[in-house]
PDB file of N, CA and C in Angstrom:
ATOM      1  N   MET A   1     -18.164  20.628  -4.621  1.00  0.00           N
ATOM      2  CA  MET A   1     -19.397  19.804  -5.148  1.00  0.00           C
ATOM      3  C   MET A   1     -18.767  19.447  -6.682  1.00  0.00           C
ATOM      4  N   ILE A   2     -19.312  18.492  -6.679  1.00  0.00           N
ATOM      5  CA  ILE A   2     -18.782  17.558  -7.961  1.00  0.00           C
ATOM      6  C   ILE A   2     -19.555  18.448  -9.229  1.00  0.00           C
ATOM      7  N   SER A   3     -20.175  19.163  -9.314  1.00  0.00           N
ATOM      8  CA  SER A   3     -20.811  19.659 -10.693  1.00  0.00           C
ATOM      9  C   SER A   3     -19.611  20.761 -11.066  1.00  0.00           C
ATOM     10  N   SER A   4     -18.769  21.225  -9.843  1.00  0.00           N
ATOM     11  CA  SER A   4     -17.810  22.402 -10.083  1.00  0.00           C
ATOM     12  C   SER A   4     -16.624  21.826 -11.017  1.00  0.00           C
ATOM     13  N   LEU A   5     -16.371  20.194 -10.531  1.00  0.00           N
ATOM     14  CA  LEU A   5     -15.461  19.471 -10.975  1.00  0.00           C
ATOM     15  C   LEU A   5     -15.723  19.102 -12.561  1.00  0.00           C
ATOM     16  N   LEU A   6     -16.834  19.290 -12.906  1.00  0.00           N
ATOM     17  CA  LEU A   6     -17.337  18.457 -14.344  1.00  0.00           C
ATOM     18  C   LEU A   6     -18.090  19.504 -15.024  1.00  0.00           C
ATOM     19  N   VAL A   7     -17.451  20.875 -14.907  1.00  0.00           N
ATOM     20  CA  VAL A   7     -18.335  22.117 -15.699  1.00  0.00           C
ATOM     21  C   VAL A   7     -17.549  21.996 -17.015  1.00  0.00           C
ATOM     22  N   ASP A   8     -16.701  21.696 -17.335  1.00  0.00           N
ATOM     23  CA  ASP A   8     -15.993  21.322 -18.681  1.00  0.00           C
ATOM     24  C   ASP A   8     -16.359  20.234 -19.462  1.00  0.00           C
ATOM     25  N   PRO A   9     -17.028  19.912 -20.618  1.00  0.00           N
ATOM     26  CA  PRO A   9     -17.302  18.954 -21.299  1.00  0.00           C
ATOM     27  C   PRO A   9     -15.855  18.096 -21.585  1.00  0.00           C
ATOM     28  N   ILE A  10     -16.045  16.970 -21.917  1.00  0.00           N
ATOM     29  CA  ILE A  10     -14.431  16.099 -22.290  1.00  0.00           C
ATOM     30  C   ILE A  10     -14.615  16.546 -23.863  1.00  0.00           C
ATOM     31  N   ASN A  11     -13.798  16.678 -24.371  1.00  0.00           N
ATOM     32  CA  ASN A  11     -13.590  16.783 -25.713  1.00  0.00           C
ATOM     33  C   ASN A  11     -13.134  15.386 -26.266  1.00  0.00           C
ATOM     34  N   LYS A  12     -13.752  14.739 -26.911  1.00  0.00           N
ATOM     35  CA  LYS A  12     -13.576  13.242 -27.242  1.00  0.00           C
ATOM     36  C   LYS A  12     -13.195  13.321 -28.833  1.00  0.00           C
ATOM     37  N   THR A  13     -12.751  13.918 -29.028  1.00  0.00           N
ATOM     38  CA  THR A  13     -12.110  14.133 -30.574  1.00  0.00           C
ATOM     39  C   THR A  13     -10.857  13.898 -30.559  1.00  0.00           C
ATOM     40  N   ASP A  14     -10.087  14.135 -29.361  1.00  0.00           N
ATOM     41  CA  ASP A  14      -8.760  14.059 -29.568  1.00  0.00           C
ATOM     42  C   ASP A  14      -8.202  12.444 -28.919  1.00  0.00           C
ATOM     43  N   ALA A  15      -9.302  11.851 -28.095  1.00  0.00           N
ATOM     44  CA  ALA A  15      -9.241  10.658 -27.674  1.00  0.00           C
ATOM     45  C   ALA A  15      -8.983   9.336 -28.409  1.00  0.00           C
ATOM     46  N   LYS A  16      -8.199   8.929 -28.055  1.00  0.00           N
ATOM     47  CA  LYS A  16      -7.587   7.622 -29.067  1.00  0.00           C
ATOM     48  C   LYS A  16      -8.170   6.327 -28.344  1.00  0.00           C
ATOM     49  N   HIS A  17      -9.144   5.533 -28.835  1.00  0.00           N
ATOM     50  CA  HIS A  17      -9.484   4.098 -28.025  1.00  0.00           C
ATOM     51  C   HIS A  17      -8.989   3.224 -28.958  1.00  0.00           C
ATOM     52  N   VAL A  18      -8.165   2.310 -28.341  1.00  0.00           N
ATOM     53  CA  VAL A  18      -7.928   0.641 -29.254  1.00  0.00           C
ATOM     54  C   VAL A  18      -8.992  -0.209 -28.420  1.00  0.00           C
ATOM     55  N   LYS A  19      -9.854  -0.793 -29.280  1.00  0.00           N
ATOM     56  CA  LYS A  19     -10.860  -1.477 -28.983  1.00  0.00           C
ATOM     57  C   LYS A  19     -10.071  -2.774 -28.233  1.00  0.00           C
ATOM     58  N   GLY A  20     -10.387  -3.220 -27.305  1.00  0.00           N
ATOM     59  CA  GLY A  20     -10.005  -4.606 -26.994  1.00  0.00           C
ATOM     60  C   GLY A  20      -8.608  -4.322 -25.943  1.00  0.00           C
ATOM     61  N   ILE A  21      -7.931  -3.906 -25.782  1.00  0.00           N
ATOM     62  CA  ILE A  21      -6.604  -3.411 -25.300  1.00  0.00           C
ATOM     63  C   ILE A  21      -6.400  -3.976 -24.053  1.00  0.00           C
ATOM     64  N   TYR A  22      -7.359  -4.204 -23.154  1.00  0.00           N
ATOM     65  CA  TYR A  22      -7.304  -4.593 -21.466  1.00  0.00           C
ATOM     66  C   TYR A  22      -7.611  -6.140 -21.619  1.00  0.00           C
ATOM     67  N   THR A  23      -8.428  -6.524 -22.565  1.00  0.00           N
ATOM     68  CA  THR A  23      -8.888  -8.053 -22.726  1.00  0.00           C
ATOM     69  C   THR A  23      -7.949  -9.062 -22.344  1.00  0.00           C
ATOM     70  N   GLY A  24      -6.590  -8.790 -22.998  1.00  0.00           N
ATOM     71  CA  GLY A  24      -5.665  -9.880 -22.524  1.00  0.00           C
ATOM     72  C   GLY A  24      -5.403  -9.788 -21.184  1.00  0.00           C
ATOM     73  N   ASN A  25      -5.020  -8.743 -20.734  1.00  0.00           N
ATOM     74  CA  ASN A  25      -4.784  -9.039 -19.229  1.00  0.00           C
ATOM     75  C   ASN A  25      -5.991  -9.491 -18.391  1.00  0.00           C
ATOM     76  N   ARG A  26      -7.373  -8.870 -18.456  1.00  0.00           N
ATOM     77  CA  ARG A  26      -8.275  -9.418 -17.976  1.00  0.00           C
ATOM     78  C   ARG A  26      -8.695 -11.149 -18.450  1.00  0.00           C
ATOM     79  N   ASN A  27      -8.425 -11.443 -19.632  1.00  0.00           N
ATOM     80  CA  ASN A  27      -8.539 -13.194 -19.637  1.00  0.00           C
ATOM     81  C   ASN A  27      -7.538 -13.586 -18.875  1.00  0.00           C
ATOM     82  N   TYR A  28      -6.206 -13.144 -18.878  1.00  0.00           N
ATOM     83  CA  TYR A  28      -5.400 -13.750 -18.077  1.00  0.00           C
ATOM     84  C   TYR A  28      -5.420 -13.824 -16.529  1.00  0.00           C
ATOM     85  N   LYS A  29      -5.871 -12.959 -15.804  1.00  0.00           N
ATOM     86  CA  LYS A  29      -6.576 -12.866 -14.643  1.00  0.00           C
ATOM     87  C   LYS A  29      -7.565 -13.932 -14.634  1.00  0.00           C
ATOM     88  N   ILE A  30      -8.594 -14.009 -15.155  1.00  0.00           N
ATOM     89  CA  ILE A  30      -9.990 -15.056 -15.224  1.00  0.00           C
ATOM     90  C   ILE A  30      -9.334 -16.508 -15.019  1.00  0.00           C
ATOM     91  N   ALA A  31      -8.255 -16.670 -15.912  1.00  0.00           N
ATOM     92  CA  ALA A  31      -8.020 -18.162 -15.816  1.00  0.00           C
ATOM     93  C   ALA A  31      -7.090 -18.304 -14.630  1.00  0.00           C
ATOM     94  N   CYS A  32      -6.163 -17.161 -13.932  1.00  0.00           N
ATOM     95  CA  CYS A  32      -5.211 -17.091 -13.089  1.00  0.00           C
ATOM     96  C   CYS A  32      -6.490 -17.489 -11.737  1.00  0.00           C
ATOM     97  N   ARG A  33      -7.838 -16.940 -11.655  1.00  0.00           N
ATOM     98  CA  ARG A  33      -8.848 -16.880 -10.943  1.00  0.00           C
ATOM     99  C   ARG A  33      -9.516 -18.249 -10.981  1.00  0.00           C
ATOM    100  N   PHE A  34      -9.647 -18.592 -12.125  1.00  0.00           N
ATOM    101  CA  PHE A  34     -10.320 -20.002 -12.368  1.00  0.00           C
ATOM    102  C   PHE A  34      -9.438 -21.069 -11.435  1.00  0.00           C
ATOM    103  N   TYR A  35      -8.342 -21.192 -11.875  1.00  0.00           N
ATOM    104  CA  TYR A  35      -6.883 -22.385 -11.333  1.00  0.00           C
ATOM    105  C   TYR A  35      -7.209 -22.156 -10.093  1.00  0.00           C
ATOM    106  N   TYR A  36      -7.480 -20.883  -9.295  1.00  0.00           N
ATOM    107  CA  TYR A  36      -7.208 -20.893  -7.984  1.00  0.00           C
ATOM    108  C   TYR A  36      -8.596 -21.383  -7.491  1.00  0.00           C
ATOM    109  N   HIS A  37      -9.706 -20.984  -7.745  1.00  0.00           N
ATOM    110  CA  HIS A  37     -11.217 -21.384  -7.501  1.00  0.00           C
ATOM    111  C   HIS A  37     -11.237 -22.926  -7.343  1.00  0.00           C
ATOM    112  N   PHE A  38     -10.919 -23.470  -8.779  1.00  0.00           N
ATOM    113  CA  PHE A  38     -11.260 -24.835  -9.021  1.00  0.00           C
ATOM    114  C   PHE A  38     -10.051 -25.746  -8.597  1.00  0.00           C
ATOM    115  N   THR A  39      -8.502 -25.086  -8.840  1.00  0.00           N
ATOM    116  CA  THR A  39      -7.685 -26.173  -8.452  1.00  0.00           C
ATOM    117  C   THR A  39      -7.205 -26.170  -6.911  1.00  0.00           C
ATOM    118  N   ILE A  40      -7.077 -25.145  -6.212  1.00  0.00           N
ATOM    119  CA  ILE A  40      -6.689 -24.805  -5.188  1.00  0.00           C
ATOM    120  C   ILE A  40      -7.565 -24.841  -4.183  1.00  0.00           C
ATOM    121  N   LYS A  41      -8.615 -24.427  -4.444  1.00  0.00           N
ATOM    122  CA  LYS A  41      -9.926 -24.270  -3.340  1.00  0.00           C
ATOM    123  C   LYS A  41     -10.990 -25.185  -3.369  1.00  0.00           C
ATOM    124  N   GLY A  42     -11.008 -26.103  -4.874  1.00  0.00           N
ATOM    125  CA  GLY A  42     -11.258 -27.160  -4.768  1.00  0.00           C
ATOM    126  C   GLY A  42     -12.775 -27.129  -5.281  1.00  0.00           C
ATOM    127  N   LEU A  43     -13.023 -25.874  -5.544  1.00  0.00           N
ATOM    128  CA  LEU A  43     -14.599 -25.284  -5.982  1.00  0.00           C
ATOM    129  C   LEU A  43     -15.132 -26.240  -6.939  1.00  0.00           C
ATOM    130  N   GLN A  44     -16.184 -26.918  -7.183  1.00  0.00           N
ATOM    131  CA  GLN A  44     -17.009 -27.624  -8.319  1.00  0.00           C
ATOM    132  C   GLN A  44     -16.994 -26.421  -9.336  1.00  0.00           C
ATOM    133  N   TYR A  45     -16.779 -27.290 -10.744  1.00  0.00           N
ATOM    134  CA  TYR A  45     -16.628 -26.182 -11.941  1.00  0.00           C
ATOM    135  C   TYR A  45     -17.966 -24.989 -12.031  1.00  0.00           C
ATOM    136  N   GLU A  46     -19.133 -25.559 -11.810  1.00  0.00           N
ATOM    137  CA  GLU A  46     -20.224 -24.647 -11.466  1.00  0.00           C
ATOM    138  C   GLU A  46     -20.072 -23.317 -10.710  1.00  0.00           C
ATOM    139  N   ARG A  47     -19.639 -23.864  -9.397  1.00  0.00           N
ATOM    140  CA  ARG A  47     -19.311 -22.891  -8.598  1.00  0.00           C
ATOM    141  C   ARG A  47     -18.105 -21.899  -8.901  1.00  0.00           C
ATOM    142  N   ALA A  48     -17.066 -22.312  -9.413  1.00  0.00           N
ATOM    143  CA  ALA A  48     -15.937 -21.219  -9.558  1.00  0.00           C
ATOM    144  C   ALA A  48     -16.645 -20.702 -10.532  1.00  0.00           C
ATOM    145  N   LEU A  49     -17.460 -20.990 -11.871  1.00  0.00           N
ATOM    146  CA  LEU A  49     -18.019 -19.832 -12.624  1.00  0.00           C
ATOM    147  C   LEU A  49     -18.636 -18.879 -11.980  1.00  0.00           C
ATOM    148  N   THR A  50     -19.562 -19.276 -10.941  1.00  0.00           N
ATOM    149  CA  THR A  50     -20.279 -18.527 -10.244  1.00  0.00           C
ATOM    150  C   THR A  50     -19.348 -17.342  -9.432  1.00  0.00           C
ATOM    151  N   ALA A  51     -18.352 -17.801  -8.901  1.00  0.00           N
ATOM    152  CA  ALA A  51     -17.178 -17.156  -8.251  1.00  0.00           C
ATOM    153  C   ALA A  51     -16.673 -15.767  -9.351  1.00  0.00           C
ATOM    154  N   LEU A  52     -16.571 -16.545 -10.153  1.00  0.00           N
ATOM    155  CA  LEU A  52     -15.789 -15.609 -11.455  1.00  0.00           C
ATOM    156  C   LEU A  52     -16.640 -14.632 -11.776  1.00  0.00           C
ATOM    157  N   ASN A  53     -17.950 -15.092 -12.188  1.00  0.00           N
ATOM    158  CA  ASN A  53     -19.307 -13.907 -12.491  1.00  0.00           C
ATOM    159  C   ASN A  53     -19.383 -13.020 -11.772  1.00  0.00           C
ATOM    160  N   ASN A  54     -19.101 -13.197 -10.409  1.00  0.00           N
ATOM    161  CA  ASN A  54     -19.076 -12.310  -9.451  1.00  0.00           C
ATOM    162  C   ASN A  54     -18.040 -10.907  -9.311  1.00  0.00           C
ATOM    163  N   GLU A  55     -17.064 -11.862  -9.626  1.00  0.00           N
ATOM    164  CA  GLU A  55     -15.764 -10.973  -9.570  1.00  0.00           C
ATOM    165  C   GLU A  55     -15.548 -10.021 -10.827  1.00  0.00           C
ATOM    166  N   PHE A  56     -15.924 -10.463 -12.210  1.00  0.00           N
ATOM    167  CA  PHE A  56     -15.584  -9.723 -13.160  1.00  0.00           C
ATOM    168  C   PHE A  56     -16.813  -9.338 -13.894  1.00  0.00           C
ATOM    169  N   ASP A  57     -18.062  -9.726 -13.339  1.00  0.00           N
ATOM    170  CA  ASP A  57     -19.492  -9.371 -13.966  1.00  0.00           C
ATOM    171  C   ASP A  57     -19.385  -9.533 -15.676  1.00  0.00           C
ATOM    172  N   LEU A  58     -19.215 -10.523 -15.760  1.00  0.00           N
ATOM    173  CA  LEU A  58     -19.221 -11.504 -17.126  1.00  0.00           C
ATOM    174  C   LEU A  58     -20.324 -12.715 -16.908  1.00  0.00           C
ATOM    175  N   SER A  59     -21.119 -12.806 -18.103  1.00  0.00           N
ATOM    176  CA  SER A  59     -21.898 -14.007 -17.912  1.00  0.00           C
ATOM    177  C   SER A  59     -21.202 -15.371 -17.545  1.00  0.00           C
ATOM    178  N   GLU A  60     -21.963 -16.389 -16.930  1.00  0.00           N
ATOM    179  CA  GLU A  60     -21.103 -17.627 -17.000  1.00  0.00           C
ATOM    180  C   GLU A  60     -20.628 -18.381 -18.308  1.00  0.00           C
ATOM    181  N   LEU A  61     -21.511 -18.003 -19.064  1.00  0.00           N
ATOM    182  CA  LEU A  61     -21.075 -18.849 -20.260  1.00  0.00           C
ATOM    183  C   LEU A  61     -19.771 -18.279 -21.018  1.00  0.00           C
ATOM    184  N   ARG A  62     -19.677 -16.803 -21.037  1.00  0.00           N
ATOM    185  CA  ARG A  62     -18.557 -16.272 -21.386  1.00  0.00           C
ATOM    186  C   ARG A  62     -17.406 -16.656 -20.908  1.00  0.00           C
ATOM    187  N   ILE A  63     -17.549 -16.510 -19.525  1.00  0.00           N
ATOM    188  CA  ILE A  63     -16.632 -17.041 -18.526  1.00  0.00           C
ATOM    189  C   ILE A  63     -16.037 -18.045 -19.068  1.00  0.00           C
ATOM    190  N   ALA A  64     -16.841 -19.202 -19.345  1.00  0.00           N
ATOM    191  CA  ALA A  64     -16.392 -20.538 -20.027  1.00  0.00           C
ATOM    192  C   ALA A  64     -15.828 -20.668 -20.983  1.00  0.00           C
ATOM    193  N   GLN A  65     -15.947 -19.909 -21.757  1.00  0.00           N
ATOM    194  CA  GLN A  65     -15.637 -19.679 -23.036  1.00  0.00           C
ATOM    195  C   GLN A  65     -14.031 -19.019 -22.763  1.00  0.00           C
ATOM    196  N   LEU A  66     -14.081 -18.037 -22.088  1.00  0.00           N
ATOM    197  CA  LEU A  66     -12.609 -17.245 -21.735  1.00  0.00           C
ATOM    198  C   LEU A  66     -11.648 -18.576 -21.094  1.00  0.00           C
ATOM    199  N   ILE A  67     -12.366 -19.218 -20.399  1.00  0.00           N
ATOM    200  CA  ILE A  67     -11.707 -20.535 -19.600  1.00  0.00           C
ATOM    201  C   ILE A  67     -10.820 -21.503 -20.633  1.00  0.00           C
ATOM    202  N   MET A  68     -11.780 -22.016 -21.886  1.00  0.00           N
ATOM    203  CA  MET A  68     -11.546 -22.678 -22.711  1.00  0.00           C
ATOM    204  C   MET A  68     -10.364 -21.915 -23.742  1.00  0.00           C
ATOM    205  N   GLU A  69     -10.431 -20.669 -23.743  1.00  0.00           N
ATOM    206  CA  GLU A  69      -9.408 -19.915 -24.602  1.00  0.00           C
ATOM    207  C   GLU A  69      -8.164 -19.750 -23.672  1.00  0.00           C
ATOM    208  N   GLY A  70      -8.296 -20.137 -22.684  1.00  0.00           N
ATOM    209  CA  GLY A  70      -7.018 -19.576 -21.830  1.00  0.00           C
ATOM    210  C   GLY A  70      -6.414 -21.033 -21.354  1.00  0.00           C
ATOM    211  N   ARG A  71      -6.804 -22.038 -21.928  1.00  0.00           N
ATOM    212  CA  ARG A  71      -5.951 -23.408 -21.621  1.00  0.00           C
ATOM    213  C   ARG A  71      -4.790 -23.548 -21.471  1.00  0.00           C
ATOM    214  N   ASP A  72      -4.047 -22.792 -22.418  1.00  0.00           N
ATOM    215  CA  ASP A  72      -2.659 -22.721 -22.199  1.00  0.00           C
ATOM    216  C   ASP A  72      -2.123 -22.164 -20.898  1.00  0.00           C
ATOM    217  N   THR A  73      -2.714 -20.981 -20.376  1.00  0.00           N
ATOM    218  CA  THR A  73      -2.319 -20.555 -19.151  1.00  0.00           C
ATOM    219  C   THR A  73      -2.431 -21.461 -18.129  1.00  0.00           C
ATOM    220  N   LEU A  74      -3.871 -22.248 -18.018  1.00  0.00           N
ATOM    221  CA  LEU A  74      -4.264 -22.893 -16.978  1.00  0.00           C
ATOM    222  C   LEU A  74      -3.070 -24.318 -16.812  1.00  0.00           C
ATOM    223  N   LYS A  75      -2.783 -24.583 -18.007  1.00  0.00           N
ATOM    224  CA  LYS A  75      -1.739 -25.655 -18.265  1.00  0.00           C
ATOM    225  C   LYS A  75      -0.504 -25.309 -17.577  1.00  0.00           C
ATOM    226  N   GLU A  76       0.379 -24.253 -17.969  1.00  0.00           N
ATOM    227  CA  GLU A  76       1.372 -23.389 -17.557  1.00  0.00           C
ATOM    228  C   GLU A  76       1.172 -23.520 -15.869  1.00  0.00           C
ATOM    229  N   LEU A  77       0.288 -22.748 -15.446  1.00  0.00           N
ATOM    230  CA  LEU A  77      -0.481 -22.903 -13.857  1.00  0.00           C
ATOM    231  C   LEU A  77       0.063 -24.267 -13.428  1.00  0.00           C
ATOM    232  N   LYS A  78      -0.791 -25.216 -13.902  1.00  0.00           N
ATOM    233  CA  LYS A  78      -0.419 -26.481 -13.555  1.00  0.00           C
ATOM    234  C   LYS A  78       0.742 -27.153 -13.420  1.00  0.00           C
ATOM    235  N   ASP A  79       1.622 -26.893 -14.699  1.00  0.00           N
ATOM    236  CA  ASP A  79       2.873 -27.396 -14.725  1.00  0.00           C
ATOM    237  C   ASP A  79       4.022 -26.973 -13.510  1.00  0.00           C
ATOM    238  N   ILE A  80       3.338 -25.794 -13.356  1.00  0.00           N
ATOM    239  CA  ILE A  80       4.729 -25.284 -12.433  1.00  0.00           C
ATOM    240  C   ILE A  80       3.872 -25.133 -10.828  1.00  0.00           C
ATOM    241  N   LYS A  81       2.832 -25.951 -11.143  1.00  0.00           N
ATOM    242  CA  LYS A  81       2.113 -26.360  -9.432  1.00  0.00           C
ATOM    243  C   LYS A  81       2.202 -24.977  -8.883  1.00  0.00           C
ATOM    244  N   ALA A  82       1.672 -23.933  -9.127  1.00  0.00           N
ATOM    245  CA  ALA A  82       1.309 -22.676  -8.752  1.00  0.00           C
ATOM    246  C   ALA A  82       0.425 -22.783  -7.435  1.00  0.00           C
ATOM    247  N   ASP A  83       0.602 -21.983  -6.405  1.00  0.00           N
ATOM    248  CA  ASP A  83      -0.096 -21.860  -5.683  1.00  0.00           C
ATOM    249  C   ASP A  83      -0.215 -20.543  -4.996  1.00  0.00           C
ATOM    250  N   GLY A  84      -0.940 -20.500  -3.786  1.00  0.00           N
ATOM    251  CA  GLY A  84      -1.619 -19.065  -3.462  1.00  0.00           C
ATOM    252  C   GLY A  84      -0.325 -18.060  -3.406  1.00  0.00           C
ATOM    253  N   LYS A  85       0.697 -18.537  -2.996  1.00  0.00           N
ATOM    254  CA  LYS A  85       1.760 -17.528  -2.974  1.00  0.00           C
ATOM    255  C   LYS A  85       2.171 -17.190  -4.101  1.00  0.00           C
ATOM    256  N   TYR A  86       2.421 -17.894  -4.841  1.00  0.00           N
ATOM    257  CA  TYR A  86       2.561 -17.288  -6.187  1.00  0.00           C
ATOM    258  C   TYR A  86       1.881 -16.467  -6.801  1.00  0.00           C
ATOM    259  N   LEU A  87       0.570 -16.877  -6.745  1.00  0.00           N
ATOM    260  CA  LEU A  87      -0.412 -15.948  -7.453  1.00  0.00           C
ATOM    261  C   LEU A  87      -0.545 -14.559  -6.861  1.00  0.00           C
ATOM    262  N   LYS A  88      -0.158 -14.701  -5.449  1.00  0.00           N
ATOM    263  CA  LYS A  88      -0.344 -13.512  -4.642  1.00  0.00           C
ATOM    264  C   LYS A  88       0.794 -12.514  -5.210  1.00  0.00           C
ATOM    265  N   VAL A  89       1.879 -13.037  -5.532  1.00  0.00           N
ATOM    266  CA  VAL A  89       2.845 -12.281  -5.792  1.00  0.00           C
ATOM    267  C   VAL A  89       2.470 -11.434  -7.220  1.00  0.00           C
ATOM    268  N   LYS A  90       1.654 -12.263  -8.224  1.00  0.00           N
ATOM    269  CA  LYS A  90       1.082 -11.782  -9.574  1.00  0.00           C
ATOM    270  C   LYS A  90       0.198 -11.068  -9.419  1.00  0.00           C
ATOM    271  N   PHE A  91      -0.674 -10.977  -8.380  1.00  0.00           N
ATOM    272  CA  PHE A  91      -1.532 -10.031  -8.430  1.00  0.00           C
ATOM    273  C   PHE A  91      -2.068  -9.766  -6.987  1.00  0.00           C
ATOM    274  N   PRO A  92      -1.340  -8.839  -6.547  1.00  0.00           N
ATOM    275  CA  PRO A  92      -1.532  -8.863  -4.842  1.00  0.00           C
ATOM    276  C   PRO A  92      -3.025  -7.886  -4.556  1.00  0.00           C
ATOM    277  N   PHE A  93      -3.664  -7.526  -5.071  1.00  0.00           N
ATOM    278  CA  PHE A  93      -4.794  -7.018  -5.036  1.00  0.00           C
ATOM    279  C   PHE A  93      -6.123  -8.137  -4.707  1.00  0.00           C
ATOM    280  N   TYR A  94      -5.665  -9.460  -5.756  1.00  0.00           N
ATOM    281  CA  TYR A  94      -6.812 -10.390  -5.104  1.00  0.00           C
ATOM    282  C   TYR A  94      -6.493 -11.031  -3.919  1.00  0.00           C
ATOM    283  N   ASP A  95      -7.847 -11.536  -3.374  1.00  0.00           N
ATOM    284  CA  ASP A  95      -7.629 -12.265  -2.080  1.00  0.00           C
ATOM    285  C   ASP A  95      -7.457 -13.719  -2.738  1.00  0.00           C
ATOM    286  N   TRP A  96      -5.955 -14.535  -1.886  1.00  0.00           N
ATOM    287  CA  TRP A  96      -5.794 -15.912  -2.531  1.00  0.00           C
ATOM    288  C   TRP A  96      -5.697 -16.608  -1.414  1.00  0.00           C
ATOM    289  N   HIS A  97      -6.836 -16.871  -0.596  1.00  0.00           N
ATOM    290  CA  HIS A  97      -6.658 -17.630   1.002  1.00  0.00           C
ATOM    291  C   HIS A  97      -8.028 -18.396   0.484  1.00  0.00           C
TER     292      HIS A  97
END
């Protein structure tokens, strides 16, 4: 049973947490996924935001803000003409078809 696994409380006094440690990686993934949905799949901007909302559980407004902050990533992907194969190598756990 799960209760036998969770008998001892977690001692949080020794835990070290760095706020935002994964945010940069998440934002990069969001930019790549937006590029895929918008550029490769050809979704309209609003539909691409909706798709990202479903994938990352963030509001469409927040995703739009992150996309604006990730313009350099989008420009880099555009400049190298990234395709689904390129993105699949970077993030094999996403569906790029």
